[in-house]
Amino acid sequence: MSDGIKIPRHIAIIMDGNRRWAKQRLMPTGYGHKKGFDSFVSIADVCGKLGVEYLTVYAFSTENWSRSAEEVDTLMGIIKNSVSSYIPRLAEKNMRLRVLGEMHRFDTETRKALEDSISSSENNTGLNVNICLSYGGRADITKAVNDLIASGKTAVTEADITNALYTSGMPEPELMIRTGGEIRISNFLLWQCAYSEMYFTPVLWPDFGEEQLMDAIKWYSGRQRRFGGTEGEAKK
């Protein structure tokens, strides 16, 4: 793009603030999560238009299973219904959907909705949309190492682990965004975000739109990515 704006190949987002957004409006938690999904759809559309290749969002962590049964059931219903209704849009926008995480932990109906969405979009060639569900960075690394051990490996390299993660074959995120005001990464893409530029904003996720995304990308464009080297080395 012009004006010195650099578009990351891969953007990762911790979509935080749905519950607080609903509470501020004296609405049930589920209303905030539903509005959060609407924001995700809008941001995915913008990323597709900008030419971003990968968008990875943190929707439900391994730790989220410890929330109240009522909230977990509400989230499962939103995931199942929203993802199913998202299939036509994936086709229209030429987006490919993937789920990163422990899909086996979901109930049969929710898992089928996810699998249908994945299979219906697998030949699309536009934006790769990764939804992290029942995902944890530590669990991702642990699974990768156990898979490598099971394959017969007695010693592993960084490349081995990278290729065994859920994100195998994808570039690492250049930009990680967290909404909602918290300044931590909460077990999200721990290996993959080793050198990501991290942008934190107080904006609650349901209020995060194109304007806020562009603010994050403009901020990213001004960063000097050194990967542990000096400024001169980073430019080589």
C-alpha atoms as a PDB file:
ATOM      1  CA  MET A   1       0.000   0.000   0.000  1.00  0.00           C
ATOM      2  CA  SER A   2       0.999   3.655  -0.289  1.00  0.00           C
ATOM      3  CA  ASP A   3       1.985   6.008   2.538  1.00  0.00           C
ATOM      4  CA  GLY A   4       4.553   3.526   3.830  1.00  0.00           C
ATOM      5  CA  ILE A   5       1.954   1.062   5.084  1.00  0.00           C
ATOM      6  CA  LYS A   6       3.194  -2.528   5.174  1.00  0.00           C
ATOM      7  CA  ILE A   7       0.567  -5.266   5.183  1.00  0.00           C
ATOM      8  CA  PRO A   8       1.572  -8.279   7.289  1.00  0.00           C
ATOM      9  CA  ARG A   9       1.270 -11.694   5.655  1.00  0.00           C
ATOM     10  CA  HIS A  10      -0.066 -13.111   8.919  1.00  0.00           C
ATOM     11  CA  ILE A  11      -2.063 -11.301  11.606  1.00  0.00           C
ATOM     12  CA  ALA A  12      -2.971 -12.997  14.889  1.00  0.00           C
ATOM     13  CA  ILE A  13      -5.668 -11.587  17.178  1.00  0.00           C
ATOM     14  CA  ILE A  14      -6.691 -12.247  20.772  1.00  0.00           C
ATOM     15  CA  MET A  15     -10.346 -11.199  20.604  1.00  0.00           C
ATOM     16  CA  ASP A  16     -10.812 -10.014  24.192  1.00  0.00           C
ATOM     17  CA  GLY A  17     -13.612  -8.006  25.769  1.00  0.00           C
ATOM     18  CA  ASN A  18     -16.864  -9.652  24.654  1.00  0.00           C
ATOM     19  CA  ARG A  19     -18.143 -10.248  28.190  1.00  0.00           C
ATOM     20  CA  ARG A  20     -17.255  -6.762  29.416  1.00  0.00           C
ATOM     21  CA  TRP A  21     -18.870  -5.242  26.334  1.00  0.00           C
ATOM     22  CA  ALA A  22     -22.121  -7.078  27.099  1.00  0.00           C
ATOM     23  CA  LYS A  23     -21.959  -6.202  30.808  1.00  0.00           C
ATOM     24  CA  GLN A  24     -21.586  -2.499  30.010  1.00  0.00           C
ATOM     25  CA  ARG A  25     -24.866  -2.747  28.100  1.00  0.00           C
ATOM     26  CA  LEU A  26     -26.630  -4.790  30.795  1.00  0.00           C
ATOM     27  CA  MET A  27     -26.910  -7.661  28.333  1.00  0.00           C
ATOM     28  CA  PRO A  28     -26.207 -11.380  28.813  1.00  0.00           C
ATOM     29  CA  THR A  29     -22.718 -12.701  28.120  1.00  0.00           C
ATOM     30  CA  GLY A  30     -23.919 -14.586  25.054  1.00  0.00           C
ATOM     31  CA  TYR A  31     -24.915 -11.306  23.400  1.00  0.00           C
ATOM     32  CA  GLY A  32     -21.317 -10.104  23.689  1.00  0.00           C
ATOM     33  CA  HIS A  33     -19.967 -13.329  22.213  1.00  0.00           C
ATOM     34  CA  LYS A  34     -22.400 -13.090  19.287  1.00  0.00           C
ATOM     35  CA  LYS A  35     -21.350  -9.499  18.582  1.00  0.00           C
ATOM     36  CA  GLY A  36     -17.760 -10.678  18.859  1.00  0.00           C
ATOM     37  CA  PHE A  37     -18.347 -13.184  16.060  1.00  0.00           C
ATOM     38  CA  ASP A  38     -19.822 -10.389  13.932  1.00  0.00           C
ATOM     39  CA  SER A  39     -16.633  -8.381  14.493  1.00  0.00           C
ATOM     40  CA  PHE A  40     -14.541 -11.375  13.489  1.00  0.00           C
ATOM     41  CA  VAL A  41     -16.455 -11.677  10.196  1.00  0.00           C
ATOM     42  CA  SER A  42     -15.952  -7.975   9.463  1.00  0.00           C
ATOM     43  CA  ILE A  43     -12.238  -8.070  10.262  1.00  0.00           C
ATOM     44  CA  ALA A  44     -11.752 -11.173   8.117  1.00  0.00           C
ATOM     45  CA  ASP A  45     -13.395  -9.348   5.209  1.00  0.00           C
ATOM     46  CA  VAL A  46     -11.070  -6.358   5.663  1.00  0.00           C
ATOM     47  CA  CYS A  47      -8.000  -8.604   5.889  1.00  0.00           C
ATOM     48  CA  GLY A  48      -9.050 -10.305   2.664  1.00  0.00           C
ATOM     49  CA  LYS A  49      -9.352  -6.958   0.881  1.00  0.00           C
ATOM     50  CA  LEU A  50      -5.968  -5.788   2.177  1.00  0.00           C
ATOM     51  CA  GLY A  51      -4.189  -8.867   0.879  1.00  0.00           C
ATOM     52  CA  VAL A  52      -3.376 -10.434   4.249  1.00  0.00           C
ATOM     53  CA  GLU A  53      -2.661 -14.123   3.613  1.00  0.00           C
ATOM     54  CA  TYR A  54      -3.372 -15.553   7.090  1.00  0.00           C
ATOM     55  CA  LEU A  55      -5.635 -14.422   9.917  1.00  0.00           C
ATOM     56  CA  THR A  56      -5.504 -16.426  13.147  1.00  0.00           C
ATOM     57  CA  VAL A  57      -7.967 -15.598  15.932  1.00  0.00           C
ATOM     58  CA  TYR A  58      -8.136 -16.881  19.497  1.00  0.00           C
ATOM     59  CA  ALA A  59     -11.772 -17.819  20.012  1.00  0.00           C
ATOM     60  CA  PHE A  60     -11.775 -20.437  22.790  1.00  0.00           C
ATOM     61  CA  SER A  61      -8.776 -21.524  24.844  1.00  0.00           C
ATOM     62  CA  THR A  62      -8.088 -24.791  26.631  1.00  0.00           C
ATOM     63  CA  GLU A  63      -8.545 -22.811  29.865  1.00  0.00           C
ATOM     64  CA  ASN A  64     -11.998 -21.571  28.800  1.00  0.00           C
ATOM     65  CA  TRP A  65     -13.428 -25.035  29.512  1.00  0.00           C
ATOM     66  CA  SER A  66     -13.242 -24.070  33.194  1.00  0.00           C
ATOM     67  CA  ARG A  67     -15.865 -21.336  32.767  1.00  0.00           C
ATOM     68  CA  SER A  68     -19.408 -21.960  33.983  1.00  0.00           C
ATOM     69  CA  ALA A  69     -21.309 -24.730  32.213  1.00  0.00           C
ATOM     70  CA  GLU A  70     -23.913 -22.157  31.155  1.00  0.00           C
ATOM     71  CA  GLU A  71     -21.363 -19.927  29.420  1.00  0.00           C
ATOM     72  CA  VAL A  72     -19.588 -22.865  27.777  1.00  0.00           C
ATOM     73  CA  ASP A  73     -22.924 -24.188  26.466  1.00  0.00           C
ATOM     74  CA  THR A  74     -23.765 -20.713  25.134  1.00  0.00           C
ATOM     75  CA  LEU A  75     -20.395 -20.477  23.401  1.00  0.00           C
ATOM     76  CA  MET A  76     -20.802 -23.919  21.852  1.00  0.00           C
ATOM     77  CA  GLY A  77     -24.179 -22.902  20.448  1.00  0.00           C
ATOM     78  CA  ILE A  78     -22.755 -19.684  18.996  1.00  0.00           C
ATOM     79  CA  ILE A  79     -19.807 -21.532  17.463  1.00  0.00           C
ATOM     80  CA  LYS A  80     -22.018 -24.211  15.924  1.00  0.00           C
ATOM     81  CA  ASN A  81     -24.649 -21.864  14.506  1.00  0.00           C
ATOM     82  CA  SER A  82     -22.349 -19.021  13.472  1.00  0.00           C
ATOM     83  CA  VAL A  83     -19.792 -21.213  11.744  1.00  0.00           C
ATOM     84  CA  SER A  84     -22.539 -23.036   9.838  1.00  0.00           C
ATOM     85  CA  SER A  85     -24.019 -19.736   8.669  1.00  0.00           C
ATOM     86  CA  TYR A  86     -20.528 -18.542   7.701  1.00  0.00           C
ATOM     87  CA  ILE A  87     -20.120 -21.159   4.936  1.00  0.00           C
ATOM     88  CA  PRO A  88     -21.750 -19.076   2.136  1.00  0.00           C
ATOM     89  CA  ARG A  89     -19.573 -16.091   3.023  1.00  0.00           C
ATOM     90  CA  LEU A  90     -16.433 -18.218   2.877  1.00  0.00           C
ATOM     91  CA  ALA A  91     -17.392 -19.220  -0.668  1.00  0.00           C
ATOM     92  CA  GLU A  92     -18.280 -15.646  -1.666  1.00  0.00           C
ATOM     93  CA  LYS A  93     -14.997 -14.233  -0.331  1.00  0.00           C
ATOM     94  CA  ASN A  94     -12.852 -17.207  -1.468  1.00  0.00           C
ATOM     95  CA  MET A  95     -11.622 -17.775   2.110  1.00  0.00           C
ATOM     96  CA  ARG A  96     -10.291 -21.031   3.490  1.00  0.00           C
ATOM     97  CA  LEU A  97     -11.248 -21.942   7.056  1.00  0.00           C
ATOM     98  CA  ARG A  98      -9.156 -24.047   9.410  1.00  0.00           C
ATOM     99  CA  VAL A  99      -9.598 -24.888  13.080  1.00  0.00           C
ATOM    100  CA  LEU A 100      -6.494 -25.062  15.265  1.00  0.00           C
ATOM    101  CA  GLY A 101      -6.946 -26.951  18.506  1.00  0.00           C
ATOM    102  CA  GLU A 102      -8.463 -29.994  20.154  1.00  0.00           C
ATOM    103  CA  MET A 103     -11.546 -30.521  18.014  1.00  0.00           C
ATOM    104  CA  HIS A 104     -12.166 -33.916  19.620  1.00  0.00           C
ATOM    105  CA  ARG A 105     -13.285 -32.146  22.815  1.00  0.00           C
ATOM    106  CA  PHE A 106     -16.353 -30.637  21.147  1.00  0.00           C
ATOM    107  CA  ASP A 107     -19.755 -32.295  21.044  1.00  0.00           C
ATOM    108  CA  THR A 108     -20.744 -34.166  17.897  1.00  0.00           C
ATOM    109  CA  GLU A 109     -22.966 -31.408  16.423  1.00  0.00           C
ATOM    110  CA  THR A 110     -20.435 -28.643  16.977  1.00  0.00           C
ATOM    111  CA  ARG A 111     -17.624 -30.753  15.568  1.00  0.00           C
ATOM    112  CA  LYS A 112     -19.686 -31.590  12.476  1.00  0.00           C
ATOM    113  CA  ALA A 113     -20.461 -27.903  11.871  1.00  0.00           C
ATOM    114  CA  LEU A 114     -16.753 -27.122  12.045  1.00  0.00           C
ATOM    115  CA  GLU A 115     -15.786 -30.025   9.792  1.00  0.00           C
ATOM    116  CA  ASP A 116     -18.433 -29.048   7.213  1.00  0.00           C
ATOM    117  CA  SER A 117     -17.101 -25.485   7.100  1.00  0.00           C
ATOM    118  CA  ILE A 118     -13.526 -26.693   6.759  1.00  0.00           C
ATOM    119  CA  SER A 119     -14.290 -29.166   3.966  1.00  0.00           C
ATOM    120  CA  SER A 120     -16.503 -26.724   2.040  1.00  0.00           C
ATOM    121  CA  SER A 121     -13.719 -24.130   1.879  1.00  0.00           C
ATOM    122  CA  GLU A 122     -10.631 -26.313   1.470  1.00  0.00           C
ATOM    123  CA  ASN A 123     -10.191 -25.442  -2.225  1.00  0.00           C
ATOM    124  CA  ASN A 124     -10.564 -21.688  -1.734  1.00  0.00           C
ATOM    125  CA  THR A 125      -7.431 -19.689  -2.520  1.00  0.00           C
ATOM    126  CA  GLY A 126      -7.928 -16.364  -0.737  1.00  0.00           C
ATOM    127  CA  LEU A 127      -7.416 -15.449   2.907  1.00  0.00           C
ATOM    128  CA  ASN A 128      -6.608 -18.374   5.187  1.00  0.00           C
ATOM    129  CA  VAL A 129      -8.783 -17.976   8.286  1.00  0.00           C
ATOM    130  CA  ASN A 130      -7.603 -19.927  11.324  1.00  0.00           C
ATOM    131  CA  ILE A 131      -9.925 -20.128  14.325  1.00  0.00           C
ATOM    132  CA  CYS A 132      -8.222 -21.352  17.493  1.00  0.00           C
ATOM    133  CA  LEU A 133     -10.733 -23.450  19.433  1.00  0.00           C
ATOM    134  CA  SER A 134      -9.843 -25.433  22.552  1.00  0.00           C
ATOM    135  CA  TYR A 135      -6.351 -24.164  21.803  1.00  0.00           C
ATOM    136  CA  GLY A 136      -3.408 -23.467  24.098  1.00  0.00           C
ATOM    137  CA  GLY A 137       0.145 -22.608  23.152  1.00  0.00           C
ATOM    138  CA  ARG A 138       1.644 -24.979  25.700  1.00  0.00           C
ATOM    139  CA  ALA A 139      -0.664 -27.798  24.588  1.00  0.00           C
ATOM    140  CA  ASP A 140       0.290 -27.094  20.965  1.00  0.00           C
ATOM    141  CA  ILE A 141       4.002 -27.477  21.739  1.00  0.00           C
ATOM    142  CA  THR A 142       3.436 -30.535  23.940  1.00  0.00           C
ATOM    143  CA  LYS A 143       1.394 -32.235  21.216  1.00  0.00           C
ATOM    144  CA  ALA A 144       4.082 -31.439  18.643  1.00  0.00           C
ATOM    145  CA  VAL A 145       6.826 -32.965  20.794  1.00  0.00           C
ATOM    146  CA  ASN A 146       4.758 -36.076  21.578  1.00  0.00           C
ATOM    147  CA  ASP A 147       3.958 -36.525  17.882  1.00  0.00           C
ATOM    148  CA  LEU A 148       7.670 -36.304  17.082  1.00  0.00           C
ATOM    149  CA  ILE A 149       8.501 -38.871  19.786  1.00  0.00           C
ATOM    150  CA  ALA A 150       5.779 -41.170  18.424  1.00  0.00           C
ATOM    151  CA  SER A 151       7.327 -40.859  14.955  1.00  0.00           C
ATOM    152  CA  GLY A 152      10.597 -42.248  16.308  1.00  0.00           C
ATOM    153  CA  LYS A 153      12.531 -39.022  16.888  1.00  0.00           C
ATOM    154  CA  THR A 154      15.080 -39.195  19.704  1.00  0.00           C
ATOM    155  CA  ALA A 155      16.271 -35.610  19.231  1.00  0.00           C
ATOM    156  CA  VAL A 156      14.417 -32.697  17.700  1.00  0.00           C
ATOM    157  CA  THR A 157      15.309 -29.385  16.093  1.00  0.00           C
ATOM    158  CA  GLU A 158      13.406 -26.100  16.153  1.00  0.00           C
ATOM    159  CA  ALA A 159      12.365 -26.822  12.570  1.00  0.00           C
ATOM    160  CA  ASP A 160      10.955 -30.197  13.639  1.00  0.00           C
ATOM    161  CA  ILE A 161       8.771 -28.575  16.273  1.00  0.00           C
ATOM    162  CA  THR A 162       7.673 -25.773  13.934  1.00  0.00           C
ATOM    163  CA  ASN A 163       6.576 -28.334  11.357  1.00  0.00           C
ATOM    164  CA  ALA A 164       4.657 -30.377  13.934  1.00  0.00           C
ATOM    165  CA  LEU A 165       2.564 -27.496  15.308  1.00  0.00           C
ATOM    166  CA  TYR A 166      -1.035 -26.803  14.283  1.00  0.00           C
ATOM    167  CA  THR A 167       0.317 -23.933  12.159  1.00  0.00           C
ATOM    168  CA  SER A 168       2.653 -26.149  10.128  1.00  0.00           C
ATOM    169  CA  GLY A 169       3.306 -24.680   6.694  1.00  0.00           C
ATOM    170  CA  MET A 170       2.190 -21.155   7.662  1.00  0.00           C
ATOM    171  CA  PRO A 171       4.388 -18.085   8.116  1.00  0.00           C
ATOM    172  CA  GLU A 172       4.727 -16.894  11.695  1.00  0.00           C
ATOM    173  CA  PRO A 173       2.532 -13.897  12.614  1.00  0.00           C
ATOM    174  CA  GLU A 174       4.281 -10.601  12.010  1.00  0.00           C
ATOM    175  CA  LEU A 175       1.612  -8.742  13.989  1.00  0.00           C
ATOM    176  CA  MET A 176      -0.236  -9.947  17.088  1.00  0.00           C
ATOM    177  CA  ILE A 177      -3.145  -7.790  18.275  1.00  0.00           C
ATOM    178  CA  ARG A 178      -4.878  -8.038  21.634  1.00  0.00           C
ATOM    179  CA  THR A 179      -8.038  -6.048  22.285  1.00  0.00           C
ATOM    180  CA  GLY A 180      -9.707  -5.330  25.624  1.00  0.00           C
ATOM    181  CA  GLY A 181      -6.874  -3.616  27.490  1.00  0.00           C
ATOM    182  CA  GLU A 182      -5.019  -6.619  28.915  1.00  0.00           C
ATOM    183  CA  ILE A 183      -1.267  -6.726  28.245  1.00  0.00           C
ATOM    184  CA  ARG A 184      -0.410 -10.416  28.056  1.00  0.00           C
ATOM    185  CA  ILE A 185      -0.590 -13.181  25.436  1.00  0.00           C
ATOM    186  CA  SER A 186      -2.558 -15.707  27.537  1.00  0.00           C
ATOM    187  CA  ASN A 187      -1.022 -18.913  26.177  1.00  0.00           C
ATOM    188  CA  PHE A 188      -1.660 -17.930  22.530  1.00  0.00           C
ATOM    189  CA  LEU A 189       0.755 -19.087  19.804  1.00  0.00           C
ATOM    190  CA  LEU A 190       3.668 -19.103  22.253  1.00  0.00           C
ATOM    191  CA  TRP A 191       6.144 -20.637  19.791  1.00  0.00           C
ATOM    192  CA  GLN A 192       4.852 -18.852  16.708  1.00  0.00           C
ATOM    193  CA  CYS A 193       4.819 -15.327  18.205  1.00  0.00           C
ATOM    194  CA  ALA A 194       8.455 -15.388  19.360  1.00  0.00           C
ATOM    195  CA  TYR A 195       9.239 -12.378  17.144  1.00  0.00           C
ATOM    196  CA  SER A 196       5.782 -10.966  16.466  1.00  0.00           C
ATOM    197  CA  GLU A 197       5.189  -7.266  16.951  1.00  0.00           C
ATOM    198  CA  MET A 198       2.607  -7.046  19.761  1.00  0.00           C
ATOM    199  CA  TYR A 199      -0.089  -4.385  19.652  1.00  0.00           C
ATOM    200  CA  PHE A 200      -2.348  -3.889  22.673  1.00  0.00           C
ATOM    201  CA  THR A 201      -5.481  -1.736  22.584  1.00  0.00           C
ATOM    202  CA  PRO A 202      -8.138  -0.944  25.205  1.00  0.00           C
ATOM    203  CA  VAL A 203     -10.878  -1.233  22.564  1.00  0.00           C
ATOM    204  CA  LEU A 204     -13.211  -4.122  23.397  1.00  0.00           C
ATOM    205  CA  TRP A 205     -13.424  -6.694  20.632  1.00  0.00           C
ATOM    206  CA  PRO A 206     -17.046  -6.019  19.532  1.00  0.00           C
ATOM    207  CA  ASP A 207     -16.017  -2.375  18.941  1.00  0.00           C
ATOM    208  CA  PHE A 208     -12.894  -3.286  16.972  1.00  0.00           C
ATOM    209  CA  GLY A 209     -13.446  -2.513  13.287  1.00  0.00           C
ATOM    210  CA  GLU A 210     -11.617  -1.496  10.138  1.00  0.00           C
ATOM    211  CA  GLU A 211     -10.437   1.823  11.578  1.00  0.00           C
ATOM    212  CA  GLN A 212      -8.898   0.122  14.607  1.00  0.00           C
ATOM    213  CA  LEU A 213      -7.304  -2.574  12.436  1.00  0.00           C
ATOM    214  CA  MET A 214      -5.698   0.045  10.227  1.00  0.00           C
ATOM    215  CA  ASP A 215      -4.366   1.845  13.319  1.00  0.00           C
ATOM    216  CA  ALA A 216      -2.672  -1.422  14.328  1.00  0.00           C
ATOM    217  CA  ILE A 217      -1.245  -1.983  10.852  1.00  0.00           C
ATOM    218  CA  LYS A 218       0.060   1.596  10.679  1.00  0.00           C
ATOM    219  CA  TRP A 219       1.743   1.075  14.053  1.00  0.00           C
ATOM    220  CA  TYR A 220       3.254  -2.181  12.771  1.00  0.00           C
ATOM    221  CA  SER A 221       4.509  -0.392   9.641  1.00  0.00           C
ATOM    222  CA  GLY A 222       6.627   1.880  11.810  1.00  0.00           C
ATOM    223  CA  ARG A 223       8.323  -0.961  13.658  1.00  0.00           C
ATOM    224  CA  GLN A 224      11.902  -1.991  12.883  1.00  0.00           C
ATOM    225  CA  ARG A 225      11.914  -5.792  12.920  1.00  0.00           C
ATOM    226  CA  ARG A 226      15.402  -6.914  13.948  1.00  0.00           C
ATOM    227  CA  PHE A 227      14.887 -10.565  14.999  1.00  0.00           C
ATOM    228  CA  GLY A 228      17.632 -10.193  17.590  1.00  0.00           C
ATOM    229  CA  GLY A 229      20.044  -8.466  15.201  1.00  0.00           C
ATOM    230  CA  THR A 230      21.010  -4.833  14.755  1.00  0.00           C
ATOM    231  CA  GLU A 231      19.097  -2.329  12.659  1.00  0.00           C
ATOM    232  CA  GLY A 232      21.655  -2.631   9.847  1.00  0.00           C
ATOM    233  CA  GLU A 233      21.456  -6.418   9.859  1.00  0.00           C
ATOM    234  CA  ALA A 234      17.648  -6.341   9.804  1.00  0.00           C
ATOM    235  CA  LYS A 235      17.711  -4.347   6.567  1.00  0.00           C
ATOM    236  CA  LYS A 236      19.919  -6.836   4.725  1.00  0.00           C
END
